[in-house]
PDB file of N, CA and C in Angstrom:
ATOM      1  N   MET A   1      11.037  -9.427   9.858  1.00  0.00           N
ATOM      2  CA  MET A   1      10.748  -9.176   8.456  1.00  0.00           C
ATOM      3  C   MET A   1       9.286  -8.718   8.312  1.00  0.00           C
ATOM      4  N   VAL A   2       9.078  -7.793   7.417  1.00  0.00           N
ATOM      5  CA  VAL A   2       7.731  -7.307   7.144  1.00  0.00           C
ATOM      6  C   VAL A   2       7.083  -8.268   6.146  1.00  0.00           C
ATOM      7  N   GLU A   3       5.876  -8.759   6.473  1.00  0.00           N
ATOM      8  CA  GLU A   3       5.225  -9.744   5.611  1.00  0.00           C
ATOM      9  C   GLU A   3       4.906  -9.156   4.237  1.00  0.00           C
ATOM     10  N   LYS A   4       4.670 -10.049   3.276  1.00  0.00           N
ATOM     11  CA  LYS A   4       4.415  -9.631   1.899  1.00  0.00           C
ATOM     12  C   LYS A   4       3.238  -8.675   1.765  1.00  0.00           C
ATOM     13  N   ALA A   5       2.179  -8.908   2.547  1.00  0.00           N
ATOM     14  CA  ALA A   5       0.981  -8.066   2.453  1.00  0.00           C
ATOM     15  C   ALA A   5       1.283  -6.624   2.862  1.00  0.00           C
ATOM     16  N   TYR A   6       2.368  -6.415   3.581  1.00  0.00           N
ATOM     17  CA  TYR A   6       2.723  -5.093   4.075  1.00  0.00           C
ATOM     18  C   TYR A   6       3.709  -4.370   3.160  1.00  0.00           C
ATOM     19  N   ARG A   7       4.024  -4.940   2.001  1.00  0.00           N
ATOM     20  CA  ARG A   7       5.029  -4.346   1.121  1.00  0.00           C
ATOM     21  C   ARG A   7       4.421  -3.719  -0.119  1.00  0.00           C
ATOM     22  N   ILE A   8       5.063  -2.667  -0.591  1.00  0.00           N
ATOM     23  CA  ILE A   8       4.741  -2.098  -1.903  1.00  0.00           C
ATOM     24  C   ILE A   8       5.917  -2.455  -2.798  1.00  0.00           C
ATOM     25  N   LYS A   9       5.652  -3.176  -3.874  1.00  0.00           N
ATOM     26  CA  LYS A   9       6.721  -3.618  -4.762  1.00  0.00           C
ATOM     27  C   LYS A   9       6.587  -3.081  -6.182  1.00  0.00           C
ATOM     28  N   LYS A  10       5.341  -2.945  -6.656  1.00  0.00           N
ATOM     29  CA  LYS A  10       5.128  -2.597  -8.059  1.00  0.00           C
ATOM     30  C   LYS A  10       5.499  -1.141  -8.333  1.00  0.00           C
ATOM     31  N   ASN A  11       6.143  -0.927  -9.455  1.00  0.00           N
ATOM     32  CA  ASN A  11       6.503   0.423  -9.875  1.00  0.00           C
ATOM     33  C   ASN A  11       5.248   1.280 -10.049  1.00  0.00           C
ATOM     34  N   SER A  12       4.172   0.678 -10.559  1.00  0.00           N
ATOM     35  CA  SER A  12       2.937   1.443 -10.760  1.00  0.00           C
ATOM     36  C   SER A  12       2.376   1.942  -9.427  1.00  0.00           C
ATOM     37  N   ASP A  13       2.483   1.130  -8.378  1.00  0.00           N
ATOM     38  CA  ASP A  13       2.043   1.559  -7.045  1.00  0.00           C
ATOM     39  C   ASP A  13       2.898   2.723  -6.550  1.00  0.00           C
ATOM     40  N   PHE A  14       4.213   2.613  -6.723  1.00  0.00           N
ATOM     41  CA  PHE A  14       5.119   3.697  -6.320  1.00  0.00           C
ATOM     42  C   PHE A  14       4.746   4.984  -7.054  1.00  0.00           C
ATOM     43  N   GLN A  15       4.578   4.897  -8.374  1.00  0.00           N
ATOM     44  CA  GLN A  15       4.287   6.089  -9.178  1.00  0.00           C
ATOM     45  C   GLN A  15       2.965   6.725  -8.771  1.00  0.00           C
ATOM     46  N   PHE A  16       1.945   5.905  -8.488  1.00  0.00           N
ATOM     47  CA  PHE A  16       0.647   6.418  -8.061  1.00  0.00           C
ATOM     48  C   PHE A  16       0.772   7.188  -6.746  1.00  0.00           C
ATOM     49  N   ILE A  17       1.518   6.620  -5.801  1.00  0.00           N
ATOM     50  CA  ILE A  17       1.684   7.276  -4.492  1.00  0.00           C
ATOM     51  C   ILE A  17       2.501   8.555  -4.636  1.00  0.00           C
ATOM     52  N   TYR A  18       3.533   8.545  -5.498  1.00  0.00           N
ATOM     53  CA  TYR A  18       4.309   9.774  -5.736  1.00  0.00           C
ATOM     54  C   TYR A  18       3.409  10.881  -6.289  1.00  0.00           C
ATOM     55  N   LYS A  19       2.515  10.525  -7.231  1.00  0.00           N
ATOM     56  CA  LYS A  19       1.670  11.528  -7.878  1.00  0.00           C
ATOM     57  C   LYS A  19       0.537  12.014  -6.982  1.00  0.00           C
ATOM     58  N   LYS A  20      -0.166  11.081  -6.329  1.00  0.00           N
ATOM     59  CA  LYS A  20      -1.384  11.419  -5.591  1.00  0.00           C
ATOM     60  C   LYS A  20      -1.163  11.637  -4.097  1.00  0.00           C
ATOM     61  N   GLY A  21      -0.063  11.111  -3.564  1.00  0.00           N
ATOM     62  CA  GLY A  21       0.139  11.147  -2.121  1.00  0.00           C
ATOM     63  C   GLY A  21       0.663  12.486  -1.619  1.00  0.00           C
ATOM     64  N   LYS A  22       0.691  12.609  -0.306  1.00  0.00           N
ATOM     65  CA  LYS A  22       1.249  13.801   0.341  1.00  0.00           C
ATOM     66  C   LYS A  22       2.656  13.473   0.810  1.00  0.00           C
ATOM     67  N   SER A  23       3.533  14.466   0.769  1.00  0.00           N
ATOM     68  CA  SER A  23       4.899  14.206   1.213  1.00  0.00           C
ATOM     69  C   SER A  23       5.277  15.120   2.368  1.00  0.00           C
ATOM     70  N   VAL A  24       6.056  14.571   3.279  1.00  0.00           N
ATOM     71  CA  VAL A  24       6.674  15.342   4.354  1.00  0.00           C
ATOM     72  C   VAL A  24       8.124  14.875   4.449  1.00  0.00           C
ATOM     73  N   ALA A  25       8.956  15.714   5.026  1.00  0.00           N
ATOM     74  CA  ALA A  25      10.373  15.372   5.056  1.00  0.00           C
ATOM     75  C   ALA A  25      11.063  15.987   6.261  1.00  0.00           C
ATOM     76  N   ASN A  26      12.162  15.351   6.664  1.00  0.00           N
ATOM     77  CA  ASN A  26      13.131  15.987   7.537  1.00  0.00           C
ATOM     78  C   ASN A  26      14.479  15.851   6.830  1.00  0.00           C
ATOM     79  N   ARG A  27      15.565  16.058   7.519  1.00  0.00           N
ATOM     80  CA  ARG A  27      16.853  16.040   6.815  1.00  0.00           C
ATOM     81  C   ARG A  27      17.236  14.650   6.314  1.00  0.00           C
ATOM     82  N   GLN A  28      16.775  13.604   7.014  1.00  0.00           N
ATOM     83  CA  GLN A  28      17.219  12.252   6.674  1.00  0.00           C
ATOM     84  C   GLN A  28      16.245  11.467   5.796  1.00  0.00           C
ATOM     85  N   PHE A  29      14.943  11.781   5.857  1.00  0.00           N
ATOM     86  CA  PHE A  29      13.954  10.978   5.147  1.00  0.00           C
ATOM     87  C   PHE A  29      12.877  11.837   4.501  1.00  0.00           C
ATOM     88  N   VAL A  30      12.357  11.347   3.378  1.00  0.00           N
ATOM     89  CA  VAL A  30      11.151  11.897   2.759  1.00  0.00           C
ATOM     90  C   VAL A  30      10.112  10.788   2.860  1.00  0.00           C
ATOM     91  N   ILE A  31       8.889  11.150   3.232  1.00  0.00           N
ATOM     92  CA  ILE A  31       7.827  10.157   3.351  1.00  0.00           C
ATOM     93  C   ILE A  31       6.639  10.581   2.512  1.00  0.00           C
ATOM     94  N   TYR A  32       6.194   9.693   1.645  1.00  0.00           N
ATOM     95  CA  TYR A  32       4.972   9.898   0.866  1.00  0.00           C
ATOM     96  C   TYR A  32       3.891   9.017   1.479  1.00  0.00           C
ATOM     97  N   THR A  33       2.705   9.589   1.691  1.00  0.00           N
ATOM     98  CA  THR A  33       1.605   8.806   2.239  1.00  0.00           C
ATOM     99  C   THR A  33       0.369   8.960   1.367  1.00  0.00           C
ATOM    100  N   GLN A  34      -0.381   7.876   1.274  1.00  0.00           N
ATOM    101  CA  GLN A  34      -1.625   7.855   0.522  1.00  0.00           C
ATOM    102  C   GLN A  34      -2.595   6.980   1.302  1.00  0.00           C
ATOM    103  N   PRO A  35      -3.781   7.487   1.652  1.00  0.00           N
ATOM    104  CA  PRO A  35      -4.741   6.646   2.381  1.00  0.00           C
ATOM    105  C   PRO A  35      -5.060   5.371   1.603  1.00  0.00           C
ATOM    106  N   ASN A  36      -5.208   4.279   2.338  1.00  0.00           N
ATOM    107  CA  ASN A  36      -5.448   2.978   1.734  1.00  0.00           C
ATOM    108  C   ASN A  36      -6.764   2.435   2.281  1.00  0.00           C
ATOM    109  N   LYS A  37      -7.822   2.567   1.510  1.00  0.00           N
ATOM    110  CA  LYS A  37      -9.141   2.169   2.002  1.00  0.00           C
ATOM    111  C   LYS A  37      -9.411   0.682   1.800  1.00  0.00           C
ATOM    112  N   ALA A  38      -8.722   0.056   0.884  1.00  0.00           N
ATOM    113  CA  ALA A  38      -8.986  -1.351   0.573  1.00  0.00           C
ATOM    114  C   ALA A  38      -8.467  -2.292   1.657  1.00  0.00           C
ATOM    115  N   LEU A  39      -7.383  -1.927   2.303  1.00  0.00           N
ATOM    116  CA  LEU A  39      -6.772  -2.802   3.309  1.00  0.00           C
ATOM    117  C   LEU A  39      -6.944  -2.190   4.695  1.00  0.00           C
ATOM    118  N   ASN A  40      -6.871  -3.042   5.714  1.00  0.00           N
ATOM    119  CA  ASN A  40      -6.969  -2.514   7.073  1.00  0.00           C
ATOM    120  C   ASN A  40      -5.606  -2.474   7.764  1.00  0.00           C
ATOM    121  N   HIS A  41      -4.539  -2.411   6.975  1.00  0.00           N
ATOM    122  CA  HIS A  41      -3.194  -2.252   7.513  1.00  0.00           C
ATOM    123  C   HIS A  41      -2.385  -1.393   6.549  1.00  0.00           C
ATOM    124  N   PHE A  42      -1.212  -0.958   6.998  1.00  0.00           N
ATOM    125  CA  PHE A  42      -0.356  -0.130   6.141  1.00  0.00           C
ATOM    126  C   PHE A  42       0.419  -1.009   5.169  1.00  0.00           C
ATOM    127  N   ARG A  43       0.905  -0.361   4.100  1.00  0.00           N
ATOM    128  CA  ARG A  43       1.865  -1.007   3.196  1.00  0.00           C
ATOM    129  C   ARG A  43       3.085  -0.099   3.125  1.00  0.00           C
ATOM    130  N   LEU A  44       4.256  -0.684   3.030  1.00  0.00           N
ATOM    131  CA  LEU A  44       5.503   0.060   3.092  1.00  0.00           C
ATOM    132  C   LEU A  44       6.341  -0.157   1.845  1.00  0.00           C
ATOM    133  N   GLY A  45       6.820   0.940   1.277  1.00  0.00           N
ATOM    134  CA  GLY A  45       7.792   0.892   0.197  1.00  0.00           C
ATOM    135  C   GLY A  45       9.029   1.639   0.651  1.00  0.00           C
ATOM    136  N   ILE A  46      10.197   1.108   0.358  1.00  0.00           N
ATOM    137  CA  ILE A  46      11.448   1.740   0.781  1.00  0.00           C
ATOM    138  C   ILE A  46      12.304   2.004  -0.441  1.00  0.00           C
ATOM    139  N   SER A  47      12.858   3.215  -0.497  1.00  0.00           N
ATOM    140  CA  SER A  47      13.740   3.579  -1.599  1.00  0.00           C
ATOM    141  C   SER A  47      15.036   4.150  -1.026  1.00  0.00           C
ATOM    142  N   VAL A  48      16.142   3.486  -1.335  1.00  0.00           N
ATOM    143  CA  VAL A  48      17.457   3.966  -0.907  1.00  0.00           C
ATOM    144  C   VAL A  48      18.335   4.015  -2.153  1.00  0.00           C
ATOM    145  N   SER A  49      18.734   5.206  -2.542  1.00  0.00           N
ATOM    146  CA  SER A  49      19.477   5.408  -3.782  1.00  0.00           C
ATOM    147  C   SER A  49      20.894   4.847  -3.701  1.00  0.00           C
ATOM    148  N   LYS A  50      21.433   4.480  -4.855  1.00  0.00           N
ATOM    149  CA  LYS A  50      22.817   4.021  -4.921  1.00  0.00           C
ATOM    150  C   LYS A  50      23.797   5.126  -4.567  1.00  0.00           C
ATOM    151  N   LYS A  51      23.338   6.373  -4.619  1.00  0.00           N
ATOM    152  CA  LYS A  51      24.198   7.507  -4.263  1.00  0.00           C
ATOM    153  C   LYS A  51      24.565   7.484  -2.782  1.00  0.00           C
ATOM    154  N   LEU A  52      23.769   6.783  -1.968  1.00  0.00           N
ATOM    155  CA  LEU A  52      24.023   6.745  -0.531  1.00  0.00           C
ATOM    156  C   LEU A  52      25.190   5.832  -0.162  1.00  0.00           C
ATOM    157  N   GLY A  53      25.518   4.879  -1.010  1.00  0.00           N
ATOM    158  CA  GLY A  53      26.638   4.001  -0.698  1.00  0.00           C
ATOM    159  C   GLY A  53      26.482   2.655  -1.362  1.00  0.00           C
ATOM    160  N   ASN A  54      27.360   1.731  -0.949  1.00  0.00           N
ATOM    161  CA  ASN A  54      27.319   0.395  -1.546  1.00  0.00           C
ATOM    162  C   ASN A  54      26.153  -0.408  -0.964  1.00  0.00           C
ATOM    163  N   ALA A  55      26.007  -1.640  -1.410  1.00  0.00           N
ATOM    164  CA  ALA A  55      24.865  -2.465  -1.014  1.00  0.00           C
ATOM    165  C   ALA A  55      24.805  -2.676   0.494  1.00  0.00           C
ATOM    166  N   VAL A  56      25.953  -2.789   1.132  1.00  0.00           N
ATOM    167  CA  VAL A  56      25.995  -3.008   2.575  1.00  0.00           C
ATOM    168  C   VAL A  56      25.348  -1.829   3.309  1.00  0.00           C
ATOM    169  N   VAL A  57      25.709  -0.622   2.914  1.00  0.00           N
ATOM    170  CA  VAL A  57      25.170   0.591   3.544  1.00  0.00           C
ATOM    171  C   VAL A  57      23.670   0.701   3.273  1.00  0.00           C
ATOM    172  N   ARG A  58      23.280   0.503   2.020  1.00  0.00           N
ATOM    173  CA  ARG A  58      21.860   0.629   1.665  1.00  0.00           C
ATOM    174  C   ARG A  58      21.000  -0.402   2.394  1.00  0.00           C
ATOM    175  N   ASN A  59      21.481  -1.640   2.469  1.00  0.00           N
ATOM    176  CA  ASN A  59      20.710  -2.679   3.150  1.00  0.00           C
ATOM    177  C   ASN A  59      20.617  -2.425   4.650  1.00  0.00           C
ATOM    178  N   ARG A  60      21.658  -1.853   5.255  1.00  0.00           N
ATOM    179  CA  ARG A  60      21.619  -1.521   6.680  1.00  0.00           C
ATOM    180  C   ARG A  60      20.540  -0.474   6.949  1.00  0.00           C
ATOM    181  N   ILE A  61      20.451   0.523   6.076  1.00  0.00           N
ATOM    182  CA  ILE A  61      19.425   1.564   6.222  1.00  0.00           C
ATOM    183  C   ILE A  61      18.040   0.943   6.063  1.00  0.00           C
ATOM    184  N   LYS A  62      17.865   0.081   5.061  1.00  0.00           N
ATOM    185  CA  LYS A  62      16.560  -0.557   4.825  1.00  0.00           C
ATOM    186  C   LYS A  62      16.154  -1.438   6.002  1.00  0.00           C
ATOM    187  N   ARG A  63      17.118  -2.163   6.571  1.00  0.00           N
ATOM    188  CA  ARG A  63      16.812  -3.007   7.733  1.00  0.00           C
ATOM    189  C   ARG A  63      16.348  -2.167   8.910  1.00  0.00           C
ATOM    190  N   ALA A  64      17.011  -1.037   9.138  1.00  0.00           N
ATOM    191  CA  ALA A  64      16.626  -0.160  10.252  1.00  0.00           C
ATOM    192  C   ALA A  64      15.221   0.410  10.038  1.00  0.00           C
ATOM    193  N   ILE A  65      14.904   0.777   8.795  1.00  0.00           N
ATOM    194  CA  ILE A  65      13.562   1.310   8.492  1.00  0.00           C
ATOM    195  C   ILE A  65      12.512   0.225   8.736  1.00  0.00           C
ATOM    196  N   ARG A  66      12.753  -0.982   8.219  1.00  0.00           N
ATOM    197  CA  ARG A  66      11.804  -2.084   8.407  1.00  0.00           C
ATOM    198  C   ARG A  66      11.610  -2.402   9.880  1.00  0.00           C
ATOM    199  N   GLU A  67      12.699  -2.395  10.640  1.00  0.00           N
ATOM    200  CA  GLU A  67      12.630  -2.682  12.072  1.00  0.00           C
ATOM    201  C   GLU A  67      11.742  -1.660  12.781  1.00  0.00           C
ATOM    202  N   ASN A  68      11.873  -0.401  12.406  1.00  0.00           N
ATOM    203  CA  ASN A  68      11.060   0.649  13.016  1.00  0.00           C
ATOM    204  C   ASN A  68       9.578   0.415  12.733  1.00  0.00           C
ATOM    205  N   PHE A  69       9.246   0.018  11.520  1.00  0.00           N
ATOM    206  CA  PHE A  69       7.848  -0.238  11.186  1.00  0.00           C
ATOM    207  C   PHE A  69       7.337  -1.496  11.885  1.00  0.00           C
ATOM    208  N   LYS A  70       8.221  -2.469  12.104  1.00  0.00           N
ATOM    209  CA  LYS A  70       7.825  -3.676  12.812  1.00  0.00           C
ATOM    210  C   LYS A  70       7.497  -3.357  14.275  1.00  0.00           C
ATOM    211  N   ILE A  71       8.291  -2.491  14.885  1.00  0.00           N
ATOM    212  CA  ILE A  71       8.064  -2.080  16.272  1.00  0.00           C
ATOM    213  C   ILE A  71       6.717  -1.375  16.408  1.00  0.00           C
ATOM    214  N   HIS A  72       6.382  -0.517  15.448  1.00  0.00           N
ATOM    215  CA  HIS A  72       5.171   0.312  15.520  1.00  0.00           C
ATOM    216  C   HIS A  72       4.011  -0.245  14.700  1.00  0.00           C
ATOM    217  N   LYS A  73       4.077  -1.518  14.354  1.00  0.00           N
ATOM    218  CA  LYS A  73       3.091  -2.141  13.473  1.00  0.00           C
ATOM    219  C   LYS A  73       1.643  -1.854  13.894  1.00  0.00           C
ATOM    220  N   GLU A  74       1.354  -1.945  15.174  1.00  0.00           N
ATOM    221  CA  GLU A  74      -0.012  -1.765  15.679  1.00  0.00           C
ATOM    222  C   GLU A  74      -0.440  -0.304  15.692  1.00  0.00           C
ATOM    223  N   ASP A  75       0.524   0.615  15.678  1.00  0.00           N
ATOM    224  CA  ASP A  75       0.230   2.038  15.875  1.00  0.00           C
ATOM    225  C   ASP A  75       0.084   2.825  14.578  1.00  0.00           C
ATOM    226  N   ILE A  76       0.291   2.194  13.440  1.00  0.00           N
ATOM    227  CA  ILE A  76       0.299   2.917  12.173  1.00  0.00           C
ATOM    228  C   ILE A  76      -1.054   2.780  11.477  1.00  0.00           C
ATOM    229  N   LEU A  77      -1.565   3.895  10.993  1.00  0.00           N
ATOM    230  CA  LEU A  77      -2.849   3.923  10.300  1.00  0.00           C
ATOM    231  C   LEU A  77      -2.773   3.152   8.985  1.00  0.00           C
ATOM    232  N   PRO A  78      -3.915   2.668   8.465  1.00  0.00           N
ATOM    233  CA  PRO A  78      -3.888   1.942   7.187  1.00  0.00           C
ATOM    234  C   PRO A  78      -3.638   2.899   6.021  1.00  0.00           C
ATOM    235  N   MET A  79      -2.393   2.995   5.615  1.00  0.00           N
ATOM    236  CA  MET A  79      -1.976   3.882   4.525  1.00  0.00           C
ATOM    237  C   MET A  79      -0.911   3.179   3.708  1.00  0.00           C
ATOM    238  N   ASP A  80      -0.718   3.679   2.501  1.00  0.00           N
ATOM    239  CA  ASP A  80       0.455   3.288   1.725  1.00  0.00           C
ATOM    240  C   ASP A  80       1.538   4.309   2.048  1.00  0.00           C
ATOM    241  N   ILE A  81       2.703   3.834   2.448  1.00  0.00           N
ATOM    242  CA  ILE A  81       3.786   4.712   2.884  1.00  0.00           C
ATOM    243  C   ILE A  81       5.043   4.373   2.089  1.00  0.00           C
ATOM    244  N   ILE A  82       5.666   5.409   1.525  1.00  0.00           N
ATOM    245  CA  ILE A  82       6.965   5.223   0.874  1.00  0.00           C
ATOM    246  C   ILE A  82       7.983   6.036   1.657  1.00  0.00           C
ATOM    247  N   VAL A  83       9.074   5.387   2.041  1.00  0.00           N
ATOM    248  CA  VAL A  83      10.151   6.053   2.766  1.00  0.00           C
ATOM    249  C   VAL A  83      11.344   6.159   1.823  1.00  0.00           C
ATOM    250  N   ILE A  84      11.839   7.382   1.640  1.00  0.00           N
ATOM    251  CA  ILE A  84      13.014   7.613   0.811  1.00  0.00           C
ATOM    252  C   ILE A  84      14.121   8.127   1.719  1.00  0.00           C
ATOM    253  N   ALA A  85      15.246   7.431   1.713  1.00  0.00           N
ATOM    254  CA  ALA A  85      16.374   7.834   2.553  1.00  0.00           C
ATOM    255  C   ALA A  85      17.184   8.912   1.840  1.00  0.00           C
ATOM    256  N   ARG A  86      17.589   9.910   2.600  1.00  0.00           N
ATOM    257  CA  ARG A  86      18.447  10.976   2.077  1.00  0.00           C
ATOM    258  C   ARG A  86      19.883  10.766   2.553  1.00  0.00           C
ATOM    259  N   GLN A  87      20.783  11.568   2.022  1.00  0.00           N
ATOM    260  CA  GLN A  87      22.214  11.436   2.253  1.00  0.00           C
ATOM    261  C   GLN A  87      22.620  11.332   3.736  1.00  0.00           C
ATOM    262  N   PRO A  88      22.106  12.185   4.644  1.00  0.00           N
ATOM    263  CA  PRO A  88      22.565  12.103   6.037  1.00  0.00           C
ATOM    264  C   PRO A  88      22.237  10.768   6.722  1.00  0.00           C
ATOM    265  N   ALA A  89      21.296  10.005   6.196  1.00  0.00           N
ATOM    266  CA  ALA A  89      20.909   8.740   6.827  1.00  0.00           C
ATOM    267  C   ALA A  89      22.043   7.718   6.808  1.00  0.00           C
ATOM    268  N   LYS A  90      22.955   7.829   5.868  1.00  0.00           N
ATOM    269  CA  LYS A  90      24.004   6.814   5.760  1.00  0.00           C
ATOM    270  C   LYS A  90      25.010   6.865   6.913  1.00  0.00           C
ATOM    271  N   ASP A  91      25.103   8.005   7.578  1.00  0.00           N
ATOM    272  CA  ASP A  91      26.061   8.147   8.676  1.00  0.00           C
ATOM    273  C   ASP A  91      25.442   7.877  10.041  1.00  0.00           C
ATOM    274  N   MET A  92      24.171   7.465  10.076  1.00  0.00           N
ATOM    275  CA  MET A  92      23.472   7.262  11.344  1.00  0.00           C
ATOM    276  C   MET A  92      23.453   5.789  11.724  1.00  0.00           C
ATOM    277  N   ASP A  93      23.412   5.532  13.047  1.00  0.00           N
ATOM    278  CA  ASP A  93      23.233   4.152  13.480  1.00  0.00           C
ATOM    279  C   ASP A  93      21.735   3.840  13.553  1.00  0.00           C
ATOM    280  N   THR A  94      21.408   2.602  13.884  1.00  0.00           N
ATOM    281  CA  THR A  94      20.019   2.151  13.846  1.00  0.00           C
ATOM    282  C   THR A  94      19.115   2.970  14.746  1.00  0.00           C
ATOM    283  N   LEU A  95      19.550   3.257  15.955  1.00  0.00           N
ATOM    284  CA  LEU A  95      18.705   4.019  16.889  1.00  0.00           C
ATOM    285  C   LEU A  95      18.468   5.443  16.409  1.00  0.00           C
ATOM    286  N   GLN A  96      19.476   6.062  15.817  1.00  0.00           N
ATOM    287  CA  GLN A  96      19.306   7.413  15.273  1.00  0.00           C
ATOM    288  C   GLN A  96      18.338   7.389  14.087  1.00  0.00           C
ATOM    289  N   ILE A  97      18.453   6.380  13.241  1.00  0.00           N
ATOM    290  CA  ILE A  97      17.537   6.242  12.105  1.00  0.00           C
ATOM    291  C   ILE A  97      16.109   6.088  12.614  1.00  0.00           C
ATOM    292  N   GLN A  98      15.915   5.264  13.634  1.00  0.00           N
ATOM    293  CA  GLN A  98      14.573   5.053  14.166  1.00  0.00           C
ATOM    294  C   GLN A  98      14.010   6.335  14.766  1.00  0.00           C
ATOM    295  N   ALA A  99      14.824   7.087  15.497  1.00  0.00           N
ATOM    296  CA  ALA A  99      14.356   8.341  16.094  1.00  0.00           C
ATOM    297  C   ALA A  99      13.952   9.337  15.006  1.00  0.00           C
ATOM    298  N   SER A 100      14.782   9.448  13.966  1.00  0.00           N
ATOM    299  CA  SER A 100      14.501  10.375  12.877  1.00  0.00           C
ATOM    300  C   SER A 100      13.247   9.954  12.107  1.00  0.00           C
ATOM    301  N   LEU A 101      13.101   8.660  11.899  1.00  0.00           N
ATOM    302  CA  LEU A 101      11.940   8.136  11.182  1.00  0.00           C
ATOM    303  C   LEU A 101      10.658   8.362  11.984  1.00  0.00           C
ATOM    304  N   GLU A 102      10.714   8.121  13.293  1.00  0.00           N
ATOM    305  CA  GLU A 102       9.546   8.377  14.134  1.00  0.00           C
ATOM    306  C   GLU A 102       9.155   9.852  14.085  1.00  0.00           C
ATOM    307  N   HIS A 103      10.155  10.725  14.066  1.00  0.00           N
ATOM    308  CA  HIS A 103       9.907  12.165  13.995  1.00  0.00           C
ATOM    309  C   HIS A 103       9.144  12.522  12.724  1.00  0.00           C
ATOM    310  N   VAL A 104       9.610  12.048  11.583  1.00  0.00           N
ATOM    311  CA  VAL A 104       8.968  12.403  10.312  1.00  0.00           C
ATOM    312  C   VAL A 104       7.612  11.705  10.169  1.00  0.00           C
ATOM    313  N   LEU A 105       7.451  10.523  10.762  1.00  0.00           N
ATOM    314  CA  LEU A 105       6.152   9.847  10.722  1.00  0.00           C
ATOM    315  C   LEU A 105       5.114  10.592  11.559  1.00  0.00           C
ATOM    316  N   LYS A 106       5.552  11.187  12.659  1.00  0.00           N
ATOM    317  CA  LYS A 106       4.632  11.988  13.476  1.00  0.00           C
ATOM    318  C   LYS A 106       4.198  13.240  12.717  1.00  0.00           C
ATOM    319  N   ILE A 107       5.119  13.852  11.995  1.00  0.00           N
ATOM    320  CA  ILE A 107       4.782  15.021  11.176  1.00  0.00           C
ATOM    321  C   ILE A 107       3.745  14.628  10.119  1.00  0.00           C
ATOM    322  N   ALA A 108       3.908  13.428   9.553  1.00  0.00           N
ATOM    323  CA  ALA A 108       3.011  12.950   8.499  1.00  0.00           C
ATOM    324  C   ALA A 108       1.668  12.480   9.053  1.00  0.00           C
ATOM    325  N   LYS A 109       1.533  12.462  10.373  1.00  0.00           N
ATOM    326  CA  LYS A 109       0.293  12.004  11.033  1.00  0.00           C
ATOM    327  C   LYS A 109      -0.078  10.580  10.604  1.00  0.00           C
ATOM    328  N   VAL A 110       0.913   9.703  10.641  1.00  0.00           N
ATOM    329  CA  VAL A 110       0.733   8.315  10.247  1.00  0.00           C
ATOM    330  C   VAL A 110       0.342   7.459  11.452  1.00  0.00           C
ATOM    331  N   PHE A 111       0.691   7.918  12.649  1.00  0.00           N
ATOM    332  CA  PHE A 111       0.423   7.134  13.856  1.00  0.00           C
ATOM    333  C   PHE A 111      -1.006   7.299  14.329  1.00  0.00           C
ATOM    334  N   ASN A 112      -1.518   6.254  14.990  1.00  0.00           N
ATOM    335  CA  ASN A 112      -2.764   6.372  15.741  1.00  0.00           C
ATOM    336  C   ASN A 112      -2.536   7.387  16.852  1.00  0.00           C
ATOM    337  N   LYS A 113      -3.578   7.771  17.535  1.00  0.00           N
ATOM    338  CA  LYS A 113      -3.465   8.784  18.580  1.00  0.00           C
ATOM    339  C   LYS A 113      -2.634   8.334  19.771  1.00  0.00           C
ATOM    340  N   ARG A 114      -2.454   7.022  19.924  1.00  0.00           N
ATOM    341  CA  ARG A 114      -1.736   6.520  21.112  1.00  0.00           C
ATOM    342  C   ARG A 114      -0.284   6.952  21.159  1.00  0.00           C
ATOM    343  N   VAL A 115       0.346   7.112  20.016  1.00  0.00           N
ATOM    344  CA  VAL A 115       1.793   7.406  19.988  1.00  0.00           C
ATOM    345  C   VAL A 115       2.028   8.903  19.993  1.00  0.00           C
TER     346      VAL A 115
END
């Protein structure tokens, strides 16, 4: 589980990152990033629309996204990151979701140089 300090929950935070942040995307995910100078770690917000499926499907996608961030916790720059799942993500298994997410995170230049 991602600790509370690593989460973005407030709607105002989401809206600020949507407006001011940069976005990159691949077929499965859209990622908004905004540098976070106040904290020395990243914060993560996840958005999975009801259009993708029922609660079971949406929660499976969210768990896979959180797991990927937990694996790379040390390698991610201190930023606010919002991950939005797109339609093709619902048909992927956990490993495919992680591979796709790593791909779009590299495009967004969210990783430290080590990865």
